[in-house]
Amino acid sequence: MVNKKDTQSPPDGKDKATQRLNQVSSHLSAEKPEQSKTKAQTARLPADHSDVLGQIATLRKIAVTPNPNHRGYVRQKQAGKLWVRERIEQLLDPGSFAEIGSVSGTVTWKKTAPMREEPVSFTPSNNIQGAGMLRGRKVLLTADDFSIRSGHADGASAGKTVYVEKLAIALRVPVVKLVDGSSGGGSVTTIKKEGWSYLPHVAPFKPVIEQLNMGIPNLGAVVGPAIGLGAARVVSCHFSVMAADIGALFNAGPKVVEGATFEEGLDFQDLGGPTVHCMNGTIDNLAANEAECYEQIRTVLGYLPNSGSEAPPIVACNDPIDREDISLRSIIPRRQARMYNPRTIITSVVDQGSWFEIGALWGRTAIGGLARLGGHPVGVISLNCEVNGGALDAAGSQKLTRLLKMCDVMNLPILQFLDVPGYAIGTVAERTATMRWGVELAKTYYTTTVPIFNVVTRRVFGVAGGVMLGSRDPVMQVAWPSGQWGSLPLEGGIEVGHRHELREAEKIGKKEERYKELEEEYLRLMNPVRTANAFGVEEIIDPKDTRQVCCSWAAHIYEVLMKERLSDRACGKIHPSFA
């Protein structure tokens, strides 16, 4: 008899696999209560992520809604200043602002469910960043919110500022900076907040320097107290302007100054108001108020490209390029000692309404600015014979150096009206390092490469005249019949060159007579036609034709030479530098 157990066959591999799958299935189906609860809660979260979108909408609404009970906002209004969001609306084209980092800041959250929360309070970052349109052109904007910790770092998101500076380089887009506070600069409260003290690195400056040299326009406005880092950011711009009614700029505020230098009772205006910094060249221009600051920024941007890889924007011109001005024939007095208004010449030659002066309140021996010739943007340089006889001093040299560098990185050709008796002389000139800054100007003339066209209206003397006249080869220039040039002006030059002869004449009482004879002889020999006879000057033109000559030059630069210049920059053949 055969045992059944003995005859039962062992399970095969297929049966073992089936058993194993059943075991795994039983484990998976026996879920823990907590896991089932979590899955149920997850299933109840909206599929369209409206919960997250709602949080973002709430935070954005808080950020853009002013709180009239907030101490900082009240202080802002009492000071006569616009709130930061109002400034953005006033500056940019309507409805064009797109914020970057719109919900960055400090949030207090309230838990409403195991996986849900809602914001109950929000302090936005005190530096607003974003993109917008400025008269139809895209710009990046950074604006301080002084109402939150006076713009200090303990109320800022430092990463935002650095990001936007880098973004400007990547996109080749101009940057506008509205400074009211320290722009994320340091405060001792940061140490308390973080729990440790830090080495004060200035992270945003590396990309800023790169922007400046790339010719990406940096335009800044001081619309409140610009302190420390805020001051440095606006001063570093290609162009800066200060609101006269609310602007001030300083390295440290009155309280810090009082503790360091014992200067007591200073207010913002005493320490660094417009009468300080718009007169010493720290800030380029002065504006009556915020609205005028923004209008100046719009105007300057209209002359500039988006970056140095582009040509400046050409606009339609309704002013005839062959317009003549007969009055220019008599604007230069025949008597050399008499003065005239050089701005009259500038406004006569350039397109009507296009002259924009930069730095009118400082370095007043020199005049500089932007204009158009037949719709083509140009930089304009002139000497100012109404101040110190037009002799170029240290401040004037600094102003022209800055303008030359800006024109070079922006690809702006330069038109010069030359009436320069030389560098300033005397004890004040020596004490203010006139030659030092004059040589710096000379270096800039010879290291920049942007085309220059000279109109010699009267005097060209000495090292200063030689530098301004001859920094390009070949020289492109014309002269007026009022031109007078040489190593030294006759005043003083005759005394030096004929010292012995005049001394002998003085012994017999005929010094004045001999001096007059020498002066008349030199004036005869200095007839500009004699210089033209020797091809010492290429062409003497009728002053009334100056506009037509200059417009033809500008048109040729833009039509022919600008393409070559942009190509040279792109392949690294030339390297314009502002900083």
Protein backbone atom coordinates (compact mmCIF):
# COMPACT_ATOMS: atom_id res chain seq x y z
CA MET A 1 0.00 0.00 0.00
CA VAL A 2 1.42 3.31 -1.03
CA ASN A 3 1.40 6.28 1.44
CA LYS A 4 -0.29 9.46 0.03
CA LYS A 5 2.35 11.61 1.65
CA ASP A 6 4.98 9.73 -0.20
CA THR A 7 3.18 10.16 -3.50
CA GLN A 8 2.56 14.03 -3.07
CA SER A 9 4.92 15.95 -5.31
CA PRO A 10 6.91 18.93 -3.92
CA PRO A 11 5.77 22.50 -4.97
CA ASP A 12 7.35 23.72 -8.14
CA GLY A 13 8.98 27.19 -8.73
CA LYS A 14 5.76 28.69 -10.08
CA ASP A 15 3.83 27.92 -6.89
CA LYS A 16 6.58 29.45 -4.74
CA ALA A 17 6.46 32.66 -6.71
CA THR A 18 2.69 32.85 -6.32
CA GLN A 19 2.92 32.39 -2.57
CA ARG A 20 5.54 35.13 -2.30
CA LEU A 21 3.40 37.59 -4.24
CA ASN A 22 0.43 36.86 -1.97
CA GLN A 23 2.56 37.61 1.09
CA VAL A 24 3.74 40.96 -0.32
CA SER A 25 0.19 41.89 -1.29
CA SER A 26 -1.07 41.21 2.22
CA HIS A 27 1.61 43.47 3.69
CA LEU A 28 0.78 46.36 1.33
CA SER A 29 -2.98 46.14 1.93
CA ALA A 30 -2.56 46.37 5.68
CA GLU A 31 -1.87 50.16 5.77
CA LYS A 32 -1.24 51.90 9.03
CA PRO A 33 -3.95 54.36 10.15
CA GLU A 34 -1.48 57.30 10.02
CA GLN A 35 -0.57 56.55 6.39
CA SER A 36 -4.21 56.42 5.38
CA LYS A 37 -4.84 59.73 7.10
CA THR A 38 -1.91 61.44 5.33
CA LYS A 39 -3.05 60.21 1.95
CA ALA A 40 -6.51 61.51 2.60
CA GLN A 41 -5.21 64.92 3.54
CA THR A 42 -3.00 65.05 0.46
CA ALA A 43 -5.97 64.14 -1.68
CA ARG A 44 -7.84 67.12 -0.20
CA LEU A 45 -5.13 69.68 -1.32
CA PRO A 46 -6.40 71.52 -4.44
CA ALA A 47 -5.12 70.05 -7.65
CA ASP A 48 -4.65 73.50 -9.20
CA HIS A 49 -2.29 74.66 -6.43
CA SER A 50 -4.66 77.51 -5.64
CA ASP A 51 -3.54 77.35 -2.01
CA VAL A 52 0.02 78.31 -2.95
CA LEU A 53 -1.16 80.89 -5.48
CA GLY A 54 -3.41 82.37 -2.80
CA GLN A 55 -0.48 82.74 -0.42
CA ILE A 56 1.52 84.54 -3.13
CA ALA A 57 -1.41 86.83 -3.91
CA THR A 58 -1.83 87.69 -0.21
CA LEU A 59 1.85 88.55 0.21
CA ARG A 60 1.90 90.64 -2.96
CA LYS A 61 -1.17 92.57 -1.85
CA ILE A 62 0.46 93.36 1.48
CA ALA A 63 3.65 94.48 -0.27
CA VAL A 64 1.94 96.93 -2.65
CA THR A 65 -0.52 98.35 -0.12
CA PRO A 66 0.81 101.25 1.99
CA ASN A 67 0.16 101.10 5.72
CA PRO A 68 -0.71 104.64 6.86
CA ASN A 69 -0.16 103.58 10.47
CA HIS A 70 3.35 102.26 9.88
CA ARG A 71 5.96 104.49 11.50
CA GLY A 72 8.32 104.33 8.54
CA TYR A 73 5.60 105.20 6.03
CA VAL A 74 4.46 108.15 8.13
CA ARG A 75 8.04 109.40 8.38
CA GLN A 76 8.46 109.08 4.62
CA LYS A 77 5.41 111.24 3.94
CA GLN A 78 6.30 113.80 6.59
CA ALA A 79 9.67 114.25 4.85
CA GLY A 80 7.85 115.15 1.62
CA LYS A 81 8.97 111.99 -0.17
CA LEU A 82 7.07 109.61 -2.38
CA TRP A 83 6.62 106.03 -1.19
CA VAL A 84 8.81 103.61 -3.15
CA ARG A 85 5.87 102.14 -5.12
CA GLU A 86 4.69 105.63 -6.02
CA ARG A 87 8.16 106.41 -7.35
CA ILE A 88 8.13 103.39 -9.61
CA GLU A 89 4.73 104.38 -11.00
CA GLN A 90 5.92 107.93 -11.65
CA LEU A 91 9.17 106.87 -13.34
CA LEU A 92 8.19 103.95 -15.57
CA ASP A 93 5.70 103.71 -18.42
CA PRO A 94 2.22 102.97 -16.98
CA GLY A 95 1.59 99.32 -16.17
CA SER A 96 5.00 98.15 -17.36
CA PHE A 97 6.66 97.17 -14.05
CA ALA A 98 7.27 93.45 -13.46
CA GLU A 99 8.76 92.85 -10.03
CA ILE A 100 11.55 90.38 -9.38
CA GLY A 101 11.39 88.82 -5.91
CA SER A 102 7.91 90.18 -5.26
CA VAL A 103 7.36 88.06 -2.14
CA SER A 104 10.88 88.21 -0.71
CA GLY A 105 10.92 89.42 2.86
CA THR A 106 10.11 88.28 6.39
CA VAL A 107 6.85 86.34 6.87
CA THR A 108 5.08 85.16 10.01
CA TRP A 109 3.10 82.00 9.24
CA LYS A 110 0.08 80.52 11.02
CA LYS A 111 -0.59 76.78 10.77
CA THR A 112 -4.22 76.15 9.81
CA ALA A 113 -4.09 72.39 9.18
CA PRO A 114 -1.49 69.63 9.31
CA MET A 115 -0.31 70.53 5.82
CA ARG A 116 -1.63 74.07 5.47
CA GLU A 117 -0.60 77.52 6.64
CA GLU A 118 -1.33 81.13 5.91
CA PRO A 119 0.68 84.36 6.27
CA VAL A 120 -0.46 86.60 9.13
CA SER A 121 2.19 89.32 8.72
CA PHE A 122 4.71 90.24 6.05
CA THR A 123 7.57 92.73 5.99
CA PRO A 124 8.74 93.02 2.38
CA SER A 125 12.39 93.38 1.46
CA ASN A 126 13.33 97.06 1.57
CA ASN A 127 14.94 97.03 -1.88
CA ILE A 128 12.49 96.57 -4.74
CA GLN A 129 13.83 95.15 -7.99
CA GLY A 130 12.22 94.52 -11.32
CA ALA A 131 11.96 95.30 -15.02
CA GLY A 132 9.87 97.91 -16.79
CA MET A 133 9.68 100.23 -19.75
CA LEU A 134 11.13 103.74 -19.84
CA ARG A 135 9.78 105.61 -22.84
CA GLY A 136 9.35 102.30 -24.59
CA ARG A 137 12.77 100.87 -23.67
CA LYS A 138 13.25 97.99 -21.29
CA VAL A 139 15.22 98.78 -18.13
CA LEU A 140 16.00 97.05 -14.88
CA LEU A 141 15.06 99.04 -11.79
CA THR A 142 16.26 98.94 -8.20
CA ALA A 143 14.56 101.21 -5.65
CA ASP A 144 15.13 101.60 -1.91
CA ASP A 145 12.23 101.54 0.53
CA PHE A 146 13.44 103.90 3.25
CA SER A 147 10.29 103.27 5.28
CA ILE A 148 11.61 99.79 6.18
CA ARG A 149 14.77 99.96 8.30
CA SER A 150 16.00 102.98 6.30
CA GLY A 151 17.13 100.62 3.56
CA HIS A 152 19.67 98.85 5.82
CA ALA A 153 20.83 95.27 5.32
CA ASP A 154 18.79 93.91 8.23
CA GLY A 155 15.63 94.63 6.24
CA ALA A 156 16.97 93.60 2.84
CA SER A 157 17.38 90.50 0.73
CA ALA A 158 20.98 90.90 -0.37
CA GLY A 159 20.68 88.23 -3.02
CA LYS A 160 18.13 90.32 -4.94
CA THR A 161 20.53 93.20 -5.52
CA VAL A 162 23.37 90.98 -6.71
CA TYR A 163 20.99 88.99 -8.92
CA VAL A 164 19.65 92.05 -10.73
CA GLU A 165 23.15 93.46 -11.26
CA LYS A 166 24.18 90.16 -12.87
CA LEU A 167 20.93 90.04 -14.83
CA ALA A 168 21.73 93.42 -16.41
CA ILE A 169 24.97 91.94 -17.76
CA ALA A 170 23.27 88.83 -19.08
CA LEU A 171 20.44 90.74 -20.78
CA ARG A 172 22.40 93.87 -21.82
CA VAL A 173 19.71 96.09 -20.28
CA PRO A 174 20.18 99.57 -18.70
CA VAL A 175 19.87 99.88 -14.91
CA VAL A 176 18.09 102.68 -13.04
CA LYS A 177 18.79 103.10 -9.33
CA LEU A 178 16.55 105.15 -7.02
CA VAL A 179 18.56 105.55 -3.84
CA ASP A 180 16.91 106.49 -0.55
CA GLY A 181 18.85 104.99 2.34
CA SER A 182 21.81 102.65 2.49
CA SER A 183 20.73 100.26 -0.33
CA GLY A 184 21.31 97.21 1.82
CA GLY A 185 24.32 98.66 3.60
CA GLY A 186 25.35 97.62 7.07
CA SER A 187 23.69 98.26 10.41
CA VAL A 188 24.82 97.12 13.84
CA THR A 189 21.41 95.49 14.31
CA THR A 190 22.40 92.96 11.65
CA ILE A 191 24.88 91.52 14.14
CA LYS A 192 22.12 91.02 16.68
CA LYS A 193 19.78 89.55 14.10
CA GLU A 194 22.32 87.05 12.75
CA GLY A 195 24.07 86.33 16.03
CA TRP A 196 27.54 86.96 14.64
CA SER A 197 29.58 89.76 13.13
CA TYR A 198 30.62 89.67 9.50
CA LEU A 199 33.40 90.87 7.21
CA PRO A 200 31.90 93.68 5.10
CA HIS A 201 32.23 92.34 1.56
CA VAL A 202 30.54 94.45 -1.13
CA ALA A 203 29.24 91.71 -3.40
CA PRO A 204 27.28 93.89 -5.86
CA PHE A 205 30.29 95.96 -6.92
CA LYS A 206 32.00 93.37 -9.13
CA PRO A 207 29.07 93.11 -11.58
CA VAL A 208 28.54 96.89 -11.37
CA ILE A 209 32.12 97.57 -12.54
CA GLU A 210 31.61 95.09 -15.35
CA GLN A 211 28.42 96.89 -16.38
CA LEU A 212 30.14 100.27 -16.40
CA ASN A 213 32.91 99.07 -18.68
CA MET A 214 30.50 97.20 -20.96
CA GLY A 215 28.62 100.43 -21.57
CA ILE A 216 25.41 99.20 -19.93
CA PRO A 217 23.88 102.52 -18.81
CA ASN A 218 23.79 102.97 -15.04
CA LEU A 219 21.59 105.93 -14.12
CA GLY A 220 21.05 106.91 -10.49
CA ALA A 221 18.84 109.36 -8.59
CA VAL A 222 19.32 110.50 -4.99
CA VAL A 223 15.75 110.85 -3.69
CA GLY A 224 16.48 110.87 0.03
CA PRO A 225 19.54 110.43 2.22
CA ALA A 226 22.00 108.20 0.34
CA ILE A 227 24.17 106.63 3.03
CA GLY A 228 27.26 104.42 2.87
CA LEU A 229 26.66 101.68 0.32
CA GLY A 230 23.68 103.60 -1.09
CA ALA A 231 25.93 106.60 -1.67
CA ALA A 232 28.57 104.42 -3.33
CA ARG A 233 26.01 102.79 -5.64
CA VAL A 234 24.66 106.06 -7.01
CA VAL A 235 28.05 107.78 -7.31
CA SER A 236 29.38 104.84 -9.31
CA CYS A 237 26.74 105.37 -12.02
CA HIS A 238 27.47 106.79 -15.46
CA PHE A 239 25.03 109.60 -14.63
CA SER A 240 23.61 110.72 -11.29
CA VAL A 241 21.12 113.37 -10.24
CA MET A 242 19.97 114.65 -6.82
CA ALA A 243 16.58 116.05 -5.82
CA ALA A 244 17.22 119.47 -4.28
CA ASP A 245 14.30 119.33 -1.85
CA ILE A 246 14.93 115.90 -0.29
CA GLY A 247 18.32 114.61 -1.48
CA ALA A 248 21.52 114.25 0.52
CA LEU A 249 24.55 111.97 0.38
CA PHE A 250 27.21 111.05 2.91
CA ASN A 251 29.53 108.27 4.02
CA ALA A 252 27.91 108.20 7.45
CA GLY A 253 25.04 110.09 9.05
CA PRO A 254 25.22 113.04 11.47
CA LYS A 255 25.21 110.88 14.62
CA VAL A 256 28.12 108.74 13.47
CA VAL A 257 29.99 111.87 12.37
CA GLU A 258 29.40 113.49 15.75
CA GLY A 259 30.95 110.52 17.52
CA ALA A 260 33.94 110.37 15.17
CA THR A 261 34.83 113.99 14.41
CA PHE A 262 32.94 115.86 17.18
CA GLU A 263 31.06 117.96 14.59
CA GLU A 264 27.77 118.60 16.33
CA GLY A 265 24.42 119.90 15.14
CA LEU A 266 24.78 118.79 11.54
CA ASP A 267 21.71 117.96 9.51
CA PHE A 268 21.53 116.04 6.25
CA GLN A 269 21.81 119.16 4.10
CA ASP A 270 24.83 120.54 5.99
CA LEU A 271 26.63 117.22 5.78
CA GLY A 272 25.95 116.26 2.19
CA GLY A 273 23.15 118.21 0.56
CA PRO A 274 23.02 119.55 -3.01
CA THR A 275 25.17 122.58 -2.19
CA VAL A 276 27.92 120.16 -1.23
CA HIS A 277 27.81 117.30 -3.70
CA CYS A 278 26.35 118.94 -6.79
CA MET A 279 29.10 121.57 -6.49
CA ASN A 280 32.06 119.22 -6.00
CA GLY A 281 31.28 116.66 -8.72
CA THR A 282 30.21 113.77 -6.51
CA ILE A 283 26.77 114.00 -8.14
CA ASP A 284 26.50 115.11 -11.76
CA ASN A 285 23.28 117.11 -11.85
CA LEU A 286 20.79 118.90 -9.62
CA ALA A 287 17.02 118.60 -10.03
CA ALA A 288 14.33 120.61 -8.29
CA ASN A 289 12.40 117.55 -7.10
CA GLU A 290 11.78 113.86 -7.69
CA ALA A 291 9.74 114.41 -10.85
CA GLU A 292 12.59 116.38 -12.44
CA CYS A 293 15.08 113.67 -11.41
CA TYR A 294 13.07 111.09 -13.32
CA GLU A 295 12.75 113.35 -16.36
CA GLN A 296 16.52 113.84 -16.46
CA ILE A 297 17.03 110.07 -16.31
CA ARG A 298 14.60 109.58 -19.20
CA THR A 299 16.40 112.27 -21.20
CA VAL A 300 19.90 110.87 -20.66
CA LEU A 301 18.82 107.33 -21.53
CA GLY A 302 17.51 108.66 -24.85
CA TYR A 303 21.10 109.36 -25.97
CA LEU A 304 22.56 106.02 -24.86
CA PRO A 305 22.56 102.48 -26.29
CA ASN A 306 21.42 99.47 -24.26
CA SER A 307 25.07 98.45 -24.09
CA GLY A 308 28.41 99.16 -25.70
CA SER A 309 27.75 96.39 -28.22
CA GLU A 310 25.18 98.65 -29.90
CA ALA A 311 25.18 102.05 -31.56
CA PRO A 312 23.44 104.93 -29.75
CA PRO A 313 19.82 105.37 -30.90
CA ILE A 314 19.27 107.69 -33.86
CA VAL A 315 16.05 109.72 -33.88
CA ALA A 316 14.21 111.62 -36.58
CA CYS A 317 15.40 115.21 -36.94
CA ASN A 318 13.18 118.12 -38.00
CA ASP A 319 15.99 120.66 -37.73
CA PRO A 320 17.58 121.16 -41.19
CA ILE A 321 21.21 120.09 -41.22
CA ASP A 322 22.05 122.99 -43.55
CA ARG A 323 20.55 125.59 -41.20
CA GLU A 324 22.78 128.66 -41.08
CA ASP A 325 23.32 131.06 -38.20
CA ILE A 326 24.81 134.38 -39.33
CA SER A 327 25.14 135.55 -35.71
CA LEU A 328 27.99 133.09 -35.17
CA ARG A 329 30.23 135.31 -37.29
CA SER A 330 30.22 137.99 -34.61
CA ILE A 331 29.84 135.98 -31.40
CA ILE A 332 33.63 135.88 -30.81
CA PRO A 333 34.79 139.40 -29.86
CA ARG A 334 37.68 140.85 -31.89
CA ARG A 335 39.18 142.05 -28.63
CA GLN A 336 40.75 138.92 -27.16
CA ALA A 337 40.21 139.94 -23.53
CA ARG A 338 36.44 140.05 -23.93
CA MET A 339 34.28 137.06 -23.06
CA TYR A 340 31.20 135.47 -24.67
CA ASN A 341 28.69 132.75 -23.79
CA PRO A 342 29.99 129.45 -25.24
CA ARG A 343 26.65 127.71 -24.67
CA THR A 344 25.17 129.99 -27.34
CA ILE A 345 27.49 128.36 -29.88
CA ILE A 346 26.57 124.84 -28.72
CA THR A 347 22.81 125.40 -28.91
CA SER A 348 23.16 127.04 -32.33
CA VAL A 349 25.09 124.15 -33.88
CA VAL A 350 23.35 121.07 -32.43
CA ASP A 351 19.77 120.01 -33.13
CA GLN A 352 17.32 122.44 -31.60
CA GLY A 353 16.24 121.35 -28.11
CA SER A 354 18.74 118.47 -27.96
CA TRP A 355 21.42 120.01 -25.71
CA PHE A 356 21.59 118.37 -22.25
CA GLU A 357 24.35 119.64 -19.98
CA ILE A 358 26.02 117.37 -17.44
CA GLY A 359 27.78 118.83 -14.39
CA ALA A 360 26.85 122.49 -14.91
CA LEU A 361 27.46 123.38 -11.24
CA TRP A 362 30.99 122.01 -10.84
CA GLY A 363 34.23 122.13 -12.81
CA ARG A 364 32.81 125.25 -14.39
CA THR A 365 35.91 126.09 -16.46
CA ALA A 366 34.72 123.26 -18.72
CA ILE A 367 31.32 122.53 -20.27
CA GLY A 368 30.17 119.01 -21.13
CA GLY A 369 27.01 117.24 -22.09
CA LEU A 370 25.01 115.35 -24.71
CA ALA A 371 23.28 116.52 -27.87
CA ARG A 372 22.32 115.39 -31.38
CA LEU A 373 23.53 116.33 -34.83
CA GLY A 374 20.98 115.47 -37.50
CA GLY A 375 19.40 113.04 -35.03
CA HIS A 376 22.73 111.33 -34.21
CA PRO A 377 23.70 111.38 -30.48
CA VAL A 378 27.07 112.94 -29.65
CA GLY A 379 29.02 114.08 -26.63
CA VAL A 380 29.83 117.79 -26.54
CA ILE A 381 32.86 119.46 -24.93
CA SER A 382 33.65 123.15 -24.67
CA LEU A 383 35.75 125.44 -22.51
CA ASN A 384 34.05 128.24 -20.61
CA CYS A 385 35.79 131.58 -21.13
CA GLU A 386 33.37 133.19 -18.66
CA VAL A 387 34.99 131.31 -15.76
CA ASN A 388 38.71 131.87 -15.11
CA GLY A 389 39.12 132.98 -18.70
CA GLY A 390 38.55 129.39 -19.82
CA ALA A 391 41.84 128.16 -18.31
CA LEU A 392 41.33 124.49 -17.49
CA ASP A 393 41.58 123.79 -13.75
CA ALA A 394 41.67 120.54 -11.76
CA ALA A 395 37.88 120.23 -11.42
CA GLY A 396 37.33 121.01 -15.10
CA SER A 397 39.84 118.32 -16.05
CA GLN A 398 38.08 115.79 -13.82
CA LYS A 399 34.71 116.59 -15.37
CA LEU A 400 35.99 116.20 -18.93
CA THR A 401 37.82 112.98 -18.02
CA ARG A 402 34.58 111.47 -16.76
CA LEU A 403 32.61 112.58 -19.82
CA LEU A 404 35.25 111.26 -22.23
CA LYS A 405 35.17 107.84 -20.58
CA MET A 406 31.39 107.71 -20.66
CA CYS A 407 31.29 108.63 -24.35
CA ASP A 408 33.92 106.00 -25.09
CA VAL A 409 32.04 103.11 -23.47
CA MET A 410 28.75 104.30 -25.00
CA ASN A 411 30.17 104.71 -28.54
CA LEU A 412 29.26 108.41 -28.58
CA PRO A 413 31.33 110.52 -31.02
CA ILE A 414 32.52 113.80 -29.49
CA LEU A 415 32.17 117.33 -30.85
CA GLN A 416 34.58 119.85 -29.30
CA PHE A 417 34.43 123.65 -29.41
CA LEU A 418 37.95 124.75 -28.54
CA ASP A 419 38.83 128.02 -26.88
CA VAL A 420 41.46 127.01 -24.34
CA PRO A 421 44.22 129.35 -23.14
CA GLY A 422 45.93 126.44 -21.36
CA TYR A 423 45.88 124.97 -17.86
CA ALA A 424 45.00 127.27 -14.98
CA ILE A 425 47.97 128.98 -13.33
CA GLY A 426 48.65 130.54 -9.93
CA THR A 427 48.81 129.39 -6.32
CA VAL A 428 45.25 128.04 -6.25
CA ALA A 429 45.90 126.02 -9.39
CA GLU A 430 49.09 124.55 -7.92
CA ARG A 431 47.50 123.71 -4.57
CA THR A 432 44.60 121.91 -6.22
CA ALA A 433 46.92 119.70 -8.31
CA THR A 434 45.90 121.15 -11.67
CA MET A 435 48.75 119.49 -13.55
CA ARG A 436 48.07 116.12 -11.94
CA TRP A 437 44.46 116.15 -13.09
CA GLY A 438 45.41 117.77 -16.39
CA VAL A 439 47.70 114.85 -17.13
CA GLU A 440 44.95 112.41 -16.15
CA LEU A 441 42.78 114.14 -18.74
CA ALA A 442 45.57 113.81 -21.28
CA LYS A 443 45.84 110.08 -20.56
CA THR A 444 42.11 109.73 -21.13
CA TYR A 445 42.24 111.60 -24.45
CA TYR A 446 45.00 109.30 -25.70
CA THR A 447 43.55 106.02 -24.39
CA THR A 448 39.97 106.50 -25.59
CA THR A 449 39.20 105.68 -29.20
CA VAL A 450 35.85 107.29 -29.92
CA PRO A 451 35.98 109.73 -32.89
CA ILE A 452 36.47 113.45 -32.05
CA PHE A 453 35.74 116.47 -34.23
CA ASN A 454 37.26 119.84 -33.33
CA VAL A 455 35.86 123.29 -34.05
CA VAL A 456 38.56 125.81 -33.10
CA THR A 457 36.55 128.90 -32.21
CA ARG A 458 39.35 131.02 -30.71
CA ARG A 459 42.39 130.16 -28.58
CA VAL A 460 44.40 126.94 -28.51
CA PHE A 461 47.49 127.32 -26.34
CA GLY A 462 49.86 125.26 -24.25
CA VAL A 463 49.78 121.62 -23.17
CA ALA A 464 46.04 121.68 -22.52
CA GLY A 465 45.30 122.97 -26.01
CA GLY A 466 47.69 120.51 -27.60
CA VAL A 467 46.16 117.55 -25.78
CA MET A 468 42.57 118.45 -26.61
CA LEU A 469 43.41 119.28 -30.21
CA GLY A 470 45.71 116.48 -31.25
CA SER A 471 44.69 113.24 -29.53
CA ARG A 472 43.43 111.67 -32.79
CA ASP A 473 45.44 110.89 -35.89
CA PRO A 474 44.51 112.13 -38.37
CA VAL A 475 42.90 115.11 -36.69
CA MET A 476 39.38 115.92 -37.90
CA GLN A 477 38.79 119.64 -37.44
CA VAL A 478 37.95 123.05 -38.81
CA ALA A 479 38.77 126.52 -37.51
CA TRP A 480 36.91 129.79 -37.38
CA PRO A 481 38.47 133.05 -38.64
CA SER A 482 38.65 134.13 -34.99
CA GLY A 483 41.19 131.38 -34.26
CA GLN A 484 44.40 132.14 -32.41
CA TRP A 485 46.97 129.56 -31.37
CA GLY A 486 50.51 128.94 -30.24
CA SER A 487 52.67 127.81 -27.34
CA LEU A 488 51.68 130.71 -25.08
CA PRO A 489 49.07 133.46 -25.19
CA LEU A 490 50.54 136.85 -26.09
CA GLU A 491 49.60 138.16 -22.66
CA GLY A 492 52.65 137.18 -20.66
CA GLY A 493 54.30 135.47 -23.62
CA ILE A 494 55.76 138.72 -24.96
CA GLU A 495 57.09 139.59 -21.51
CA VAL A 496 58.87 136.23 -21.29
CA GLY A 497 60.19 136.07 -24.85
CA HIS A 498 61.42 139.69 -24.98
CA ARG A 499 62.38 140.27 -21.37
CA HIS A 500 65.82 141.75 -22.06
CA GLU A 501 64.61 143.91 -24.92
CA LEU A 502 61.74 145.35 -22.89
CA ARG A 503 64.04 145.93 -19.92
CA GLU A 504 66.38 147.98 -22.10
CA ALA A 505 63.43 149.92 -23.54
CA GLU A 506 62.25 150.64 -20.01
CA LYS A 507 65.58 152.37 -19.26
CA ILE A 508 64.85 154.97 -21.90
CA GLY A 509 61.12 155.19 -21.06
CA LYS A 510 59.89 153.36 -24.15
CA LYS A 511 58.79 150.01 -22.72
CA GLU A 512 55.07 150.47 -23.44
CA GLU A 513 55.80 151.71 -26.93
CA ARG A 514 58.04 148.76 -27.71
CA TYR A 515 55.58 146.32 -26.17
CA LYS A 516 52.79 147.66 -28.41
CA GLU A 517 55.00 147.32 -31.48
CA LEU A 518 55.79 143.70 -30.63
CA GLU A 519 52.15 142.93 -29.91
CA GLU A 520 51.01 144.36 -33.26
CA GLU A 521 53.69 142.41 -35.08
CA TYR A 522 52.74 139.13 -33.41
CA LEU A 523 49.04 139.69 -34.06
CA ARG A 524 49.81 140.22 -37.74
CA LEU A 525 51.88 137.03 -37.89
CA MET A 526 49.18 135.11 -35.99
CA ASN A 527 46.63 135.76 -38.69
CA PRO A 528 44.93 132.32 -39.04
CA VAL A 529 45.18 132.57 -42.81
CA ARG A 530 48.98 132.39 -42.51
CA THR A 531 48.57 129.11 -40.61
CA ALA A 532 46.29 127.81 -43.35
CA ASN A 533 48.89 128.86 -45.96
CA ALA A 534 51.36 126.53 -44.25
CA PHE A 535 48.67 123.84 -43.86
CA GLY A 536 48.99 124.22 -40.10
CA VAL A 537 45.21 124.16 -40.03
CA GLU A 538 43.29 122.15 -42.60
CA GLU A 539 40.39 124.52 -43.26
CA ILE A 540 38.98 127.80 -41.99
CA ILE A 541 35.22 127.93 -42.43
CA ASP A 542 32.52 130.55 -42.24
CA PRO A 543 31.05 130.14 -38.71
CA LYS A 544 27.52 130.17 -40.14
CA ASP A 545 28.25 126.83 -41.87
CA THR A 546 29.40 125.05 -38.70
CA ARG A 547 26.20 123.05 -38.21
CA GLN A 548 26.26 121.62 -41.71
CA VAL A 549 29.92 120.59 -41.40
CA CYS A 550 29.37 118.94 -38.01
CA CYS A 551 26.20 117.13 -39.09
CA SER A 552 27.98 115.72 -42.15
CA TRP A 553 30.78 114.43 -39.92
CA ALA A 554 28.34 112.80 -37.46
CA ALA A 555 26.36 111.15 -40.27
CA HIS A 556 29.54 109.65 -41.72
CA ILE A 557 30.62 108.31 -38.33
CA TYR A 558 27.30 106.53 -37.81
CA GLU A 559 26.93 105.29 -41.38
CA VAL A 560 30.48 104.03 -41.91
CA LEU A 561 32.80 104.01 -38.90
CA MET A 562 30.32 102.92 -36.23
CA LYS A 563 30.01 99.44 -37.77
CA GLU A 564 33.77 98.99 -37.64
CA ARG A 565 33.93 100.19 -34.05
CA LEU A 566 31.23 97.76 -32.91
CA SER A 567 33.04 94.94 -34.70
CA ASP A 568 36.32 95.89 -33.01
CA ARG A 569 34.64 95.81 -29.60
CA ALA A 570 32.99 92.48 -30.30
CA CYS A 571 36.29 90.80 -31.23
CA GLY A 572 38.22 92.45 -28.38
CA LYS A 573 40.35 94.72 -30.53
CA ILE A 574 39.44 97.75 -28.41
CA HIS A 575 38.54 97.78 -24.72
CA PRO A 576 36.80 101.00 -23.62
CA SER A 577 36.90 101.51 -19.87
CA PHE A 578 34.81 103.72 -17.59
CA ALA A 579 35.94 102.31 -14.26
